[in-house]
C-alpha atoms as a PDB file:
ATOM      1  CA  MET A   1      21.365  13.292   0.253  1.00  0.00           C
ATOM      2  CA  SER A   2      19.635  15.208  -2.529  1.00  0.00           C
ATOM      3  CA  THR A   3      18.197  18.740  -2.590  1.00  0.00           C
ATOM      4  CA  LYS A   4      15.952  19.904  -5.411  1.00  0.00           C
ATOM      5  CA  SER A   5      17.283  23.024  -7.155  1.00  0.00           C
ATOM      6  CA  GLY A   6      15.495  26.182  -6.015  1.00  0.00           C
ATOM      7  CA  SER A   7      13.957  24.360  -3.071  1.00  0.00           C
ATOM      8  CA  SER A   8      14.761  23.692   0.539  1.00  0.00           C
ATOM      9  CA  THR A   9      13.439  20.114   0.291  1.00  0.00           C
ATOM     10  CA  THR A  10      16.172  17.569   0.995  1.00  0.00           C
ATOM     11  CA  THR A  11      15.819  13.802   0.698  1.00  0.00           C
ATOM     12  CA  THR A  12      18.159  11.300   2.326  1.00  0.00           C
ATOM     13  CA  VAL A  13      18.116   7.647   1.266  1.00  0.00           C
ATOM     14  CA  HIS A  14      19.905   5.016   3.354  1.00  0.00           C
ATOM     15  CA  TRP A  15      21.090   1.976   1.398  1.00  0.00           C
ATOM     16  CA  THR A  16      22.846  -1.038   2.875  1.00  0.00           C
ATOM     17  CA  GLY A  17      24.447  -3.893   1.014  1.00  0.00           C
ATOM     18  CA  SER A  18      27.773  -5.254  -0.137  1.00  0.00           C
ATOM     19  CA  ALA A  19      30.393  -4.625  -2.803  1.00  0.00           C
ATOM     20  CA  ASN A  20      32.278  -7.267  -4.781  1.00  0.00           C
ATOM     21  CA  ASN A  21      34.626  -5.811  -7.405  1.00  0.00           C
ATOM     22  CA  ASN A  22      32.374  -3.894  -9.820  1.00  0.00           C
ATOM     23  CA  LEU A  23      29.078  -5.276  -8.463  1.00  0.00           C
ATOM     24  CA  LEU A  24      27.133  -3.506  -5.709  1.00  0.00           C
ATOM     25  CA  GLN A  25      24.325  -5.579  -4.199  1.00  0.00           C
ATOM     26  CA  PHE A  26      21.814  -3.738  -2.023  1.00  0.00           C
ATOM     27  CA  ASP A  27      19.492  -5.189   0.562  1.00  0.00           C
ATOM     28  CA  GLY A  28      15.984  -5.228  -0.861  1.00  0.00           C
ATOM     29  CA  GLY A  29      16.874  -6.717  -4.243  1.00  0.00           C
ATOM     30  CA  TYR A  30      18.670  -4.059  -6.271  1.00  0.00           C
ATOM     31  CA  GLU A  31      22.108  -4.199  -7.931  1.00  0.00           C
ATOM     32  CA  MET A  32      24.450  -1.827  -9.690  1.00  0.00           C
ATOM     33  CA  THR A  33      27.208  -2.816 -12.047  1.00  0.00           C
ATOM     34  CA  LEU A  34      30.019  -0.256 -12.147  1.00  0.00           C
ATOM     35  CA  LEU A  35      31.302   0.281 -15.682  1.00  0.00           C
ATOM     36  CA  PRO A  36      34.454   1.981 -16.979  1.00  0.00           C
ATOM     37  CA  GLY A  37      34.465   5.744 -17.408  1.00  0.00           C
ATOM     38  CA  GLY A  38      32.312   6.593 -14.393  1.00  0.00           C
ATOM     39  CA  MET A  39      29.186   4.779 -15.634  1.00  0.00           C
ATOM     40  CA  TYR A  40      26.880   2.288 -13.945  1.00  0.00           C
ATOM     41  CA  MET A  41      23.767   0.250 -14.637  1.00  0.00           C
ATOM     42  CA  GLY A  42      21.130  -0.360 -11.950  1.00  0.00           C
ATOM     43  CA  TYR A  43      18.543  -3.130 -12.076  1.00  0.00           C
ATOM     44  CA  PRO A  44      16.544  -5.533  -9.904  1.00  0.00           C
ATOM     45  CA  THR A  45      18.642  -8.413  -8.568  1.00  0.00           C
ATOM     46  CA  ASP A  46      16.480 -11.142 -10.091  1.00  0.00           C
ATOM     47  CA  ILE A  47      15.260  -9.456 -13.262  1.00  0.00           C
ATOM     48  CA  GLY A  48      14.471 -12.842 -14.840  1.00  0.00           C
ATOM     49  CA  LYS A  49      12.058 -13.720 -12.050  1.00  0.00           C
ATOM     50  CA  ILE A  50      10.463 -10.263 -12.178  1.00  0.00           C
ATOM     51  CA  VAL A  51       9.842 -10.565 -15.927  1.00  0.00           C
ATOM     52  CA  ASN A  52       8.606 -14.152 -15.544  1.00  0.00           C
ATOM     53  CA  ASP A  53       6.229 -13.082 -12.732  1.00  0.00           C
ATOM     54  CA  MET A  54       5.077 -10.140 -14.872  1.00  0.00           C
ATOM     55  CA  ASP A  55       5.977  -7.543 -12.226  1.00  0.00           C
ATOM     56  CA  SER A  56       6.832  -3.943 -13.097  1.00  0.00           C
ATOM     57  CA  PHE A  57      10.463  -2.817 -12.726  1.00  0.00           C
ATOM     58  CA  HIS A  58      12.885  -0.059 -13.606  1.00  0.00           C
ATOM     59  CA  LEU A  59      16.353   0.079 -15.115  1.00  0.00           C
ATOM     60  CA  GLU A  60      18.853   2.881 -14.613  1.00  0.00           C
ATOM     61  CA  PHE A  61      21.893   3.987 -16.581  1.00  0.00           C
ATOM     62  CA  CYS A  62      24.181   6.681 -15.212  1.00  0.00           C
ATOM     63  CA  TRP A  63      27.326   8.399 -16.454  1.00  0.00           C
ATOM     64  CA  MET A  64      29.636  11.105 -15.184  1.00  0.00           C
ATOM     65  CA  GLU A  65      29.719  14.095 -17.477  1.00  0.00           C
ATOM     66  CA  SER A  66      32.542  15.763 -15.555  1.00  0.00           C
ATOM     67  CA  PRO A  67      33.675  15.880 -11.919  1.00  0.00           C
ATOM     68  CA  GLY A  68      30.631  16.866  -9.877  1.00  0.00           C
ATOM     69  CA  LYS A  69      28.142  16.440 -12.753  1.00  0.00           C
ATOM     70  CA  ARG A  70      26.310  13.274 -13.693  1.00  0.00           C
ATOM     71  CA  GLN A  71      23.428  12.253 -15.890  1.00  0.00           C
ATOM     72  CA  ARG A  72      20.948   9.434 -15.223  1.00  0.00           C
ATOM     73  CA  LEU A  73      18.316   7.801 -17.363  1.00  0.00           C
ATOM     74  CA  VAL A  74      15.675   5.732 -15.546  1.00  0.00           C
ATOM     75  CA  ARG A  75      13.223   3.674 -17.569  1.00  0.00           C
ATOM     76  CA  THR A  76      10.160   2.070 -15.980  1.00  0.00           C
ATOM     77  CA  TYR A  77       8.477  -1.011 -17.433  1.00  0.00           C
ATOM     78  CA  ASP A  78       4.992  -2.310 -16.714  1.00  0.00           C
ATOM     79  CA  SER A  79       3.966  -5.881 -15.946  1.00  0.00           C
ATOM     80  CA  ALA A  80       3.779  -6.683 -19.672  1.00  0.00           C
ATOM     81  CA  GLY A  81       7.373  -5.482 -20.167  1.00  0.00           C
ATOM     82  CA  LEU A  82       6.378  -2.324 -22.031  1.00  0.00           C
ATOM     83  CA  ALA A  83       8.227   0.917 -21.293  1.00  0.00           C
ATOM     84  CA  VAL A  84       5.803   3.260 -19.539  1.00  0.00           C
ATOM     85  CA  SER A  85       8.131   6.113 -18.658  1.00  0.00           C
ATOM     86  CA  SER A  86      11.626   7.450 -19.101  1.00  0.00           C
ATOM     87  CA  THR A  87      13.049   9.996 -16.696  1.00  0.00           C
ATOM     88  CA  TYR A  88      16.222  11.959 -17.343  1.00  0.00           C
ATOM     89  CA  PHE A  89      18.185  13.564 -14.491  1.00  0.00           C
ATOM     90  CA  PHE A  90      21.044  16.044 -14.717  1.00  0.00           C
ATOM     91  CA  GLU A  91      22.681  16.268 -11.292  1.00  0.00           C
ATOM     92  CA  THR A  92      25.265  18.715 -10.015  1.00  0.00           C
ATOM     93  CA  LYS A  93      27.169  18.313  -6.770  1.00  0.00           C
ATOM     94  CA  VAL A  94      27.342  21.509  -4.736  1.00  0.00           C
END
């Protein structure tokens, strides 16, 4: 659940999938690899096929700054594989 700062708008996202050691696989074709130090990388399950089919996609890198604070960088790529946007999030748990 996420609430935008200074707003009463809350968003809840329901994910289902499975965990195997440091790999989280979500239904719908998305994976996260958990890395040491409170970091993870998120990416489409079959990134090779997506690139081959020239579909757009996004990659995510996240790290814990301190307990209750994390930073995320999400980069979106177009069908030609060119970066079209980068979004930076600084999140605080309340």
